N, C-alpha and C. Protein backbone atom coordinates (compact mmCIF):
# COMPACT_ATOMS: atom_id res chain seq x y z
N MET A 1 13.61 72.83 131.88
CA MET A 1 14.31 72.21 133.14
C MET A 1 14.27 72.64 134.77
N GLU A 2 13.30 72.12 135.08
CA GLU A 2 13.05 72.39 136.86
C GLU A 2 14.16 72.76 137.65
N LYS A 3 14.45 73.51 138.36
CA LYS A 3 15.69 73.25 139.46
C LYS A 3 15.46 72.99 140.65
N ILE A 4 15.77 72.11 141.50
CA ILE A 4 15.07 71.62 142.71
C ILE A 4 16.14 72.15 143.06
N ARG A 5 15.69 72.84 144.55
CA ARG A 5 16.86 73.48 145.48
C ARG A 5 16.32 73.07 147.06
N THR A 6 17.29 72.47 147.73
CA THR A 6 16.92 72.36 149.65
C THR A 6 17.93 73.26 150.06
N VAL A 7 16.68 73.44 150.82
CA VAL A 7 17.41 74.60 152.49
C VAL A 7 17.20 74.04 153.65
N VAL A 8 18.23 74.72 154.38
CA VAL A 8 17.66 74.36 155.71
C VAL A 8 17.44 75.61 156.36
N SER A 9 16.95 75.74 157.22
CA SER A 9 15.98 76.72 157.86
C SER A 9 15.30 76.49 158.95
N ASN A 10 15.67 76.87 160.09
CA ASN A 10 15.09 77.34 161.34
C ASN A 10 14.82 75.62 161.58
N ASP A 11 16.29 74.65 161.40
CA ASP A 11 16.30 73.05 161.78
C ASP A 11 14.77 72.43 160.57
N GLU A 12 14.60 73.23 159.61
CA GLU A 12 13.28 72.69 158.73
C GLU A 12 14.02 71.88 157.39
N LEU A 13 13.96 71.20 157.29
CA LEU A 13 14.65 70.81 155.96
C LEU A 13 13.48 71.86 154.66
N MET A 14 13.59 72.14 153.90
CA MET A 14 12.72 72.65 152.63
C MET A 14 13.63 72.44 151.58
N THR A 15 12.19 71.98 150.32
CA THR A 15 12.49 71.89 149.09
C THR A 15 11.48 72.41 148.43
N TYR A 16 11.99 73.27 147.38
CA TYR A 16 11.38 74.00 146.54
C TYR A 16 12.21 73.97 145.16
N VAL A 17 10.79 74.47 144.09
CA VAL A 17 11.27 74.53 142.77
C VAL A 17 11.68 75.76 142.37
N GLU A 18 12.29 75.97 141.05
CA GLU A 18 12.51 77.36 140.75
C GLU A 18 12.51 77.39 139.17
N LYS A 19 11.54 77.93 138.92
CA LYS A 19 10.73 78.20 137.49
C LYS A 19 10.69 79.52 137.43
N GLY A 20 10.91 79.44 135.75
CA GLY A 20 10.93 80.74 134.71
C GLY A 20 11.41 81.86 135.58
N LEU A 21 12.55 81.86 136.19
CA LEU A 21 13.31 83.00 136.53
C LEU A 21 14.62 83.20 135.33
N ASP A 22 14.66 82.53 134.32
CA ASP A 22 15.30 83.15 133.24
C ASP A 22 14.63 84.08 132.16
N ILE A 23 13.17 83.66 132.63
CA ILE A 23 11.92 84.64 131.51
C ILE A 23 12.15 86.13 132.58
N ILE A 24 12.49 85.96 133.46
CA ILE A 24 11.74 87.36 134.67
C ILE A 24 13.13 87.97 134.22
N VAL A 25 14.13 87.46 134.68
CA VAL A 25 15.97 88.12 134.07
C VAL A 25 15.81 88.92 132.79
N ALA A 26 15.35 87.87 131.65
CA ALA A 26 15.16 88.68 130.64
C ALA A 26 14.50 89.99 130.11
N VAL A 27 12.96 89.62 130.89
CA VAL A 27 12.10 90.96 130.43
C VAL A 27 12.59 92.23 131.30
N ASP A 28 13.32 91.75 132.55
CA ASP A 28 13.96 92.87 133.24
C ASP A 28 14.88 94.07 132.46
N MET A 29 15.58 92.71 131.79
CA MET A 29 17.10 93.37 131.16
C MET A 29 16.53 94.22 129.95
N LEU A 30 15.69 93.83 129.10
CA LEU A 30 15.42 94.35 128.03
C LEU A 30 14.50 95.83 128.22
N ILE A 31 13.58 95.42 128.97
CA ILE A 31 12.71 96.59 129.83
C ILE A 31 13.77 97.51 129.82
N LEU A 32 14.81 97.33 130.84
CA LEU A 32 15.10 98.50 131.69
C LEU A 32 16.44 98.92 130.69
N SER A 33 16.87 98.44 129.67
CA SER A 33 17.47 98.79 128.41
C SER A 33 16.69 100.03 127.39
N VAL A 34 15.40 99.66 127.64
CA VAL A 34 14.71 100.42 126.62
C VAL A 34 14.48 101.52 127.64
N GLN A 35 14.05 101.59 128.70
CA GLN A 35 13.85 102.81 129.83
C GLN A 35 15.55 103.77 129.98
N ASN A 36 16.42 103.30 129.26
CA ASN A 36 17.59 103.58 129.00
C ASN A 36 17.83 103.69 130.95
N GLU A 37 17.77 102.09 131.17
CA GLU A 37 18.43 102.56 132.89
C GLU A 37 19.75 101.87 133.20
N TYR A 38 20.54 101.63 132.13
CA TYR A 38 21.77 101.03 132.30
C TYR A 38 22.66 101.36 130.87
N ASP A 39 24.24 101.19 130.59
CA ASP A 39 24.64 101.51 129.72
C ASP A 39 25.04 100.12 129.11
N THR A 40 25.58 99.43 130.75
CA THR A 40 26.24 97.91 130.36
C THR A 40 25.50 97.11 130.88
N ALA A 41 25.05 95.62 130.78
CA ALA A 41 24.55 94.61 131.97
C ALA A 41 25.34 93.84 131.66
N ILE A 42 25.97 92.91 132.64
CA ILE A 42 26.66 91.72 133.06
C ILE A 42 25.79 90.33 132.92
N LEU A 43 25.79 89.55 132.44
CA LEU A 43 25.23 88.15 132.93
C LEU A 43 26.20 86.95 132.63
N ILE A 44 25.65 86.16 133.88
CA ILE A 44 26.52 85.25 134.00
C ILE A 44 25.67 83.95 134.20
N SER A 45 25.64 83.60 132.71
CA SER A 45 24.94 82.26 132.57
C SER A 45 25.48 81.42 131.32
N GLY A 46 24.93 80.51 131.75
CA GLY A 46 25.61 79.35 130.61
C GLY A 46 24.04 79.02 129.61
N ASP A 47 23.35 79.44 129.73
CA ASP A 47 21.97 79.29 129.38
C ASP A 47 21.74 79.54 128.29
N SER A 48 21.85 79.25 126.78
CA SER A 48 21.88 79.87 125.61
C SER A 48 20.46 80.63 125.71
N ASP A 49 19.55 80.37 126.13
CA ASP A 49 18.17 80.82 126.15
C ASP A 49 18.27 81.98 126.07
N PHE A 50 19.19 83.08 126.64
CA PHE A 50 19.64 84.45 126.94
C PHE A 50 19.61 84.97 125.55
N VAL A 51 20.24 84.36 124.65
CA VAL A 51 20.82 84.93 122.98
C VAL A 51 19.93 85.85 122.63
N PRO A 52 18.65 85.26 122.49
CA PRO A 52 17.70 86.03 121.49
C PRO A 52 17.77 87.34 122.48
N VAL A 53 17.17 87.94 123.36
CA VAL A 53 17.41 88.61 124.34
C VAL A 53 18.69 89.98 124.27
N ILE A 54 19.49 89.25 124.64
CA ILE A 54 20.87 89.80 124.71
C ILE A 54 21.19 90.75 122.89
N LYS A 55 20.72 89.77 121.86
CA LYS A 55 20.60 90.62 121.00
C LYS A 55 19.59 91.84 120.40
N LYS A 56 18.43 91.89 121.28
CA LYS A 56 17.75 92.97 121.11
C LYS A 56 18.64 93.87 122.21
N ILE A 57 18.99 93.72 122.94
CA ILE A 57 19.21 94.75 123.74
C ILE A 57 20.73 95.52 123.18
N ARG A 58 21.15 94.94 122.49
CA ARG A 58 22.41 95.35 121.64
C ARG A 58 22.01 96.36 120.65
N MET A 59 20.93 96.10 120.51
CA MET A 59 20.37 96.84 119.18
C MET A 59 19.62 98.07 119.74
N ASN A 60 19.88 97.89 121.34
CA ASN A 60 19.12 99.19 121.84
C ASN A 60 20.88 100.11 122.15
N LYS A 61 21.73 99.46 121.70
CA LYS A 61 22.90 100.54 121.73
C LYS A 61 23.36 100.42 123.10
N LYS A 62 23.21 99.02 123.53
CA LYS A 62 23.39 98.73 125.79
C LYS A 62 24.43 97.26 125.16
N LYS A 63 25.42 97.94 125.74
CA LYS A 63 26.84 96.58 126.21
C LYS A 63 26.00 95.28 126.97
N VAL A 64 26.28 94.47 126.51
CA VAL A 64 26.21 93.00 127.95
C VAL A 64 26.91 92.19 127.30
N GLN A 65 27.39 92.14 128.57
CA GLN A 65 28.50 91.26 129.09
C GLN A 65 28.89 89.86 129.53
C-alpha cells in the first residue's frame, strides 16, 4: 500500500508518495546484523512484513525488540 504524505513547506502544499521504505529498513537491519554493527535492534512497526527479517536477524544472535 502506498502512503500519501502532505507537507506544507514555504507556504506551498506538497504531496508525495512513500514507497518501499519497509524494504530499505529490512535490508539495513539485516546487513548491519551480519556486519556485527549492533547487539539489539528496536523496531517499532505494526507491519507483519518484517517478521521474516526479524527471524533471520535472531539467527545471527541479535536481539530484536
